[in-house]
Amino acid sequence: MSANSLQVNASSAIDVPSEELGASSRGNIGSNDLLIVGPGVLGRLVAEKWREEYPGCQIYGQTVTTNHHDELIKMGIYPSSKQTKLTYKFPYVIFCAPPSQTEDYAGDIREAALNWNGEGSFLFTSSSAPYDCFDNGAINEVLNLIKHYSSNSFLF
């Protein structure tokens, strides 16, 4: 490329699959609209209950891959991949993505929080297990479970 040449990159939404379009292409975000970061098992349950509670709302799902976008569309969830820049902020954001799907989990949580407009709620979810600690000491997941598993029954 010569010193006087100019390179321009342009894009268009023409012929782009609907699941790859950002939230801006769907119109304004309503007061009960929801962004689910990680619409897997938990996220889909949340979407189902949310739609019951707020009929007519828009639900968006942000994923790492496009593998399940067709399923999300059938559920009425507007999917987008993590790489798609969302141009609107949402009043309700729930983060339910597992740390196993990313190299920068804290960064992903930060990005999800940046998609929240400060109204409604931002909810971070995570999974763990019950731990038995009565002395406010440090808890080691593996040792604590081994120590108590042989003598106690866990009922859930």
Foldseek 3Di string as FASTA:
>chain_A
DDPPDDDDDDDDCPPPPQLADAPVVVPDADQLEEEEEACDDVNLVVVVVSCVVPPPHAYEYEAQDCPCCVVCVVSRYRYHYPPRDHPAAHQYYEYDHDPVSDPCVVVVLVVRVVSHPPHHDYHYDDDDDDFDDDPPDDDDRVVRCVVCVVPDDDDD
